[in-house]
C-alpha cells in the first residue's frame, strides 16, 4: 500500500513539476558517466575509427 502511494505521488509530482524530474535525470546522468574514461580520449579519433570499422567489418 505504501509503495503504491509513493508511486502515485511521484507520478503526480512529475506531471505537475517537470523541472524537478529534469533535475533528477540530469544528476543521474552525471553520476552514471562520472567514472567514464572517454572524457580524456580524442573524440574525433574514436568517431573516425568507428566510422572506418563499421563498413569494413559489417558488424551491424
N, C-alpha and C. Protein backbone atom coordinates (compact mmCIF):
# COMPACT_ATOMS: atom_id res chain seq x y z
N UNK A 1 0.83 -1.19 0.00
CA UNK A 1 0.00 0.00 0.00
C UNK A 1 0.87 1.25 0.00
N UNK A 2 1.88 1.25 0.86
CA UNK A 2 2.76 2.41 0.95
C UNK A 2 3.49 2.64 -0.37
N UNK A 3 3.97 1.57 -0.99
CA UNK A 3 4.68 1.68 -2.26
C UNK A 3 3.77 2.26 -3.34
N UNK A 4 2.54 1.84 -3.36
CA UNK A 4 1.58 2.37 -4.34
C UNK A 4 1.37 3.87 -4.15
N UNK A 5 1.26 4.29 -2.91
CA UNK A 5 1.07 5.72 -2.62
C UNK A 5 2.29 6.52 -3.06
N UNK A 6 3.46 5.98 -2.81
CA UNK A 6 4.69 6.68 -3.20
C UNK A 6 4.77 6.78 -4.72
N UNK A 7 4.45 5.72 -5.42
CA UNK A 7 4.48 5.75 -6.88
C UNK A 7 3.48 6.76 -7.46
N UNK A 8 2.29 6.80 -6.90
CA UNK A 8 1.29 7.77 -7.35
C UNK A 8 1.78 9.19 -7.07
N UNK A 9 2.36 9.41 -5.91
CA UNK A 9 2.88 10.73 -5.55
C UNK A 9 3.98 11.16 -6.52
N UNK A 10 4.88 10.26 -6.84
CA UNK A 10 5.95 10.58 -7.79
C UNK A 10 5.38 10.89 -9.16
N UNK A 11 4.39 10.13 -9.58
CA UNK A 11 3.75 10.38 -10.88
C UNK A 11 3.10 11.76 -10.92
N UNK A 12 2.35 12.09 -9.89
CA UNK A 12 1.67 13.40 -9.85
C UNK A 12 2.70 14.52 -9.77
N UNK A 13 3.70 14.34 -8.96
CA UNK A 13 4.75 15.36 -8.83
C UNK A 13 5.48 15.56 -10.15
N UNK A 14 5.77 14.48 -10.86
CA UNK A 14 6.49 14.61 -12.13
C UNK A 14 5.63 15.29 -13.20
N UNK A 15 4.32 15.12 -13.14
CA UNK A 15 3.45 15.79 -14.11
C UNK A 15 3.25 17.27 -13.79
N UNK A 16 3.19 17.60 -12.52
CA UNK A 16 2.98 18.99 -12.13
C UNK A 16 4.26 19.81 -12.17
N UNK A 17 5.36 19.21 -11.77
CA UNK A 17 6.63 19.92 -11.67
C UNK A 17 7.69 19.17 -12.46
N UNK A 18 7.65 19.34 -13.76
CA UNK A 18 8.56 18.60 -14.63
C UNK A 18 10.01 19.04 -14.45
N UNK A 19 10.23 20.26 -13.97
CA UNK A 19 11.60 20.73 -13.76
C UNK A 19 12.32 19.90 -12.70
N UNK A 20 11.59 19.38 -11.71
CA UNK A 20 12.19 18.52 -10.70
C UNK A 20 12.65 17.21 -11.32
N UNK A 21 11.83 16.69 -12.20
CA UNK A 21 12.17 15.45 -12.87
C UNK A 21 13.43 15.64 -13.72
N UNK A 22 13.56 16.78 -14.38
CA UNK A 22 14.75 17.06 -15.18
C UNK A 22 16.00 17.17 -14.31
N UNK A 23 15.85 17.75 -13.13
CA UNK A 23 16.99 17.86 -12.21
C UNK A 23 17.47 16.47 -11.82
N UNK A 24 16.55 15.59 -11.45
CA UNK A 24 16.92 14.23 -11.05
C UNK A 24 17.54 13.47 -12.22
N UNK A 25 17.00 13.66 -13.41
CA UNK A 25 17.52 12.98 -14.59
C UNK A 25 18.94 13.45 -14.90
N UNK A 26 19.17 14.76 -14.83
CA UNK A 26 20.49 15.31 -15.10
C UNK A 26 21.51 14.80 -14.08
N UNK A 27 21.13 14.79 -12.82
CA UNK A 27 22.04 14.30 -11.78
C UNK A 27 22.34 12.82 -11.96
N UNK A 28 21.35 12.05 -12.36
CA UNK A 28 21.56 10.61 -12.57
C UNK A 28 22.51 10.38 -13.74
N UNK A 29 22.37 11.15 -14.81
CA UNK A 29 23.27 11.00 -15.96
C UNK A 29 24.69 11.40 -15.60
N UNK A 30 24.85 12.47 -14.82
CA UNK A 30 26.19 12.88 -14.40
C UNK A 30 26.84 11.80 -13.55
N UNK A 31 26.09 11.21 -12.66
CA UNK A 31 26.62 10.14 -11.80
C UNK A 31 26.97 8.91 -12.64
N UNK A 32 26.16 8.64 -13.64
CA UNK A 32 26.35 7.46 -14.48
C UNK A 32 27.68 7.53 -15.23
N UNK A 33 28.03 8.71 -15.71
CA UNK A 33 29.23 8.86 -16.52
C UNK A 33 30.40 9.47 -15.75
N UNK A 34 30.31 9.53 -14.44
CA UNK A 34 31.34 10.15 -13.63
C UNK A 34 32.70 9.45 -13.78
N UNK A 35 32.71 8.14 -13.87
CA UNK A 35 33.95 7.38 -13.95
C UNK A 35 34.30 6.98 -15.38
N UNK A 36 33.69 7.60 -16.36
CA UNK A 36 33.94 7.27 -17.75
C UNK A 36 35.35 7.70 -18.16
N UNK A 37 36.02 6.86 -18.92
CA UNK A 37 37.36 7.16 -19.40
C UNK A 37 37.33 7.83 -20.76
N UNK A 38 36.18 7.95 -21.36
CA UNK A 38 36.06 8.55 -22.69
C UNK A 38 36.31 10.06 -22.64
N UNK A 39 36.12 10.66 -21.48
CA UNK A 39 36.28 12.11 -21.36
C UNK A 39 37.67 12.55 -21.80
N UNK A 40 38.69 11.76 -21.47
CA UNK A 40 40.06 12.14 -21.80
C UNK A 40 40.49 11.69 -23.19
N UNK A 41 39.67 10.93 -23.87
CA UNK A 41 40.02 10.43 -25.20
C UNK A 41 39.79 11.50 -26.26
N UNK A 42 40.44 11.32 -27.39
CA UNK A 42 40.23 12.18 -28.54
C UNK A 42 38.95 11.71 -29.24
N UNK A 43 37.87 12.44 -29.05
CA UNK A 43 36.56 12.01 -29.55
C UNK A 43 36.53 11.91 -31.07
N UNK A 44 37.22 12.81 -31.75
CA UNK A 44 37.25 12.78 -33.22
C UNK A 44 37.91 11.49 -33.70
N UNK A 45 38.98 11.07 -33.03
CA UNK A 45 39.66 9.83 -33.39
C UNK A 45 38.75 8.63 -33.18
N UNK A 46 38.04 8.60 -32.09
CA UNK A 46 37.15 7.49 -31.79
C UNK A 46 36.03 7.41 -32.83
N UNK A 47 35.44 8.53 -33.17
CA UNK A 47 34.37 8.55 -34.18
C UNK A 47 34.90 8.11 -35.53
N UNK A 48 36.07 8.61 -35.90
CA UNK A 48 36.67 8.22 -37.18
C UNK A 48 36.95 6.72 -37.22
N UNK A 49 37.45 6.18 -36.12
CA UNK A 49 37.73 4.74 -36.06
C UNK A 49 36.46 3.91 -36.19
N UNK A 50 35.40 4.34 -35.54
CA UNK A 50 34.13 3.62 -35.62
C UNK A 50 33.57 3.69 -37.03
N UNK A 51 33.63 4.86 -37.63
CA UNK A 51 33.10 5.00 -39.00
C UNK A 51 33.91 4.18 -39.99
N UNK A 52 35.18 4.02 -39.74
CA UNK A 52 36.02 3.22 -40.63
C UNK A 52 35.77 1.72 -40.40
N UNK A 53 35.55 1.33 -39.16
CA UNK A 53 35.40 -0.08 -38.80
C UNK A 53 34.05 -0.65 -39.24
N UNK A 54 32.99 0.11 -39.11
CA UNK A 54 31.65 -0.41 -39.42
C UNK A 54 31.51 -0.89 -40.87
N UNK A 55 31.87 -0.09 -41.88
CA UNK A 55 31.68 -0.58 -43.26
C UNK A 55 32.63 -1.74 -43.60
N UNK A 56 33.83 -1.74 -43.04
CA UNK A 56 34.79 -2.81 -43.38
C UNK A 56 34.39 -4.15 -42.77
N UNK A 57 34.04 -4.15 -41.51
CA UNK A 57 33.75 -5.40 -40.80
C UNK A 57 32.28 -5.80 -40.89
N UNK A 58 31.42 -4.86 -41.21
CA UNK A 58 29.97 -5.10 -41.32
C UNK A 58 29.41 -5.82 -40.09
N UNK A 59 29.70 -5.24 -38.92
CA UNK A 59 29.24 -5.86 -37.68
C UNK A 59 27.78 -5.56 -37.37
N UNK A 60 27.18 -4.70 -38.12
CA UNK A 60 25.78 -4.36 -37.89
C UNK A 60 24.94 -5.38 -38.51
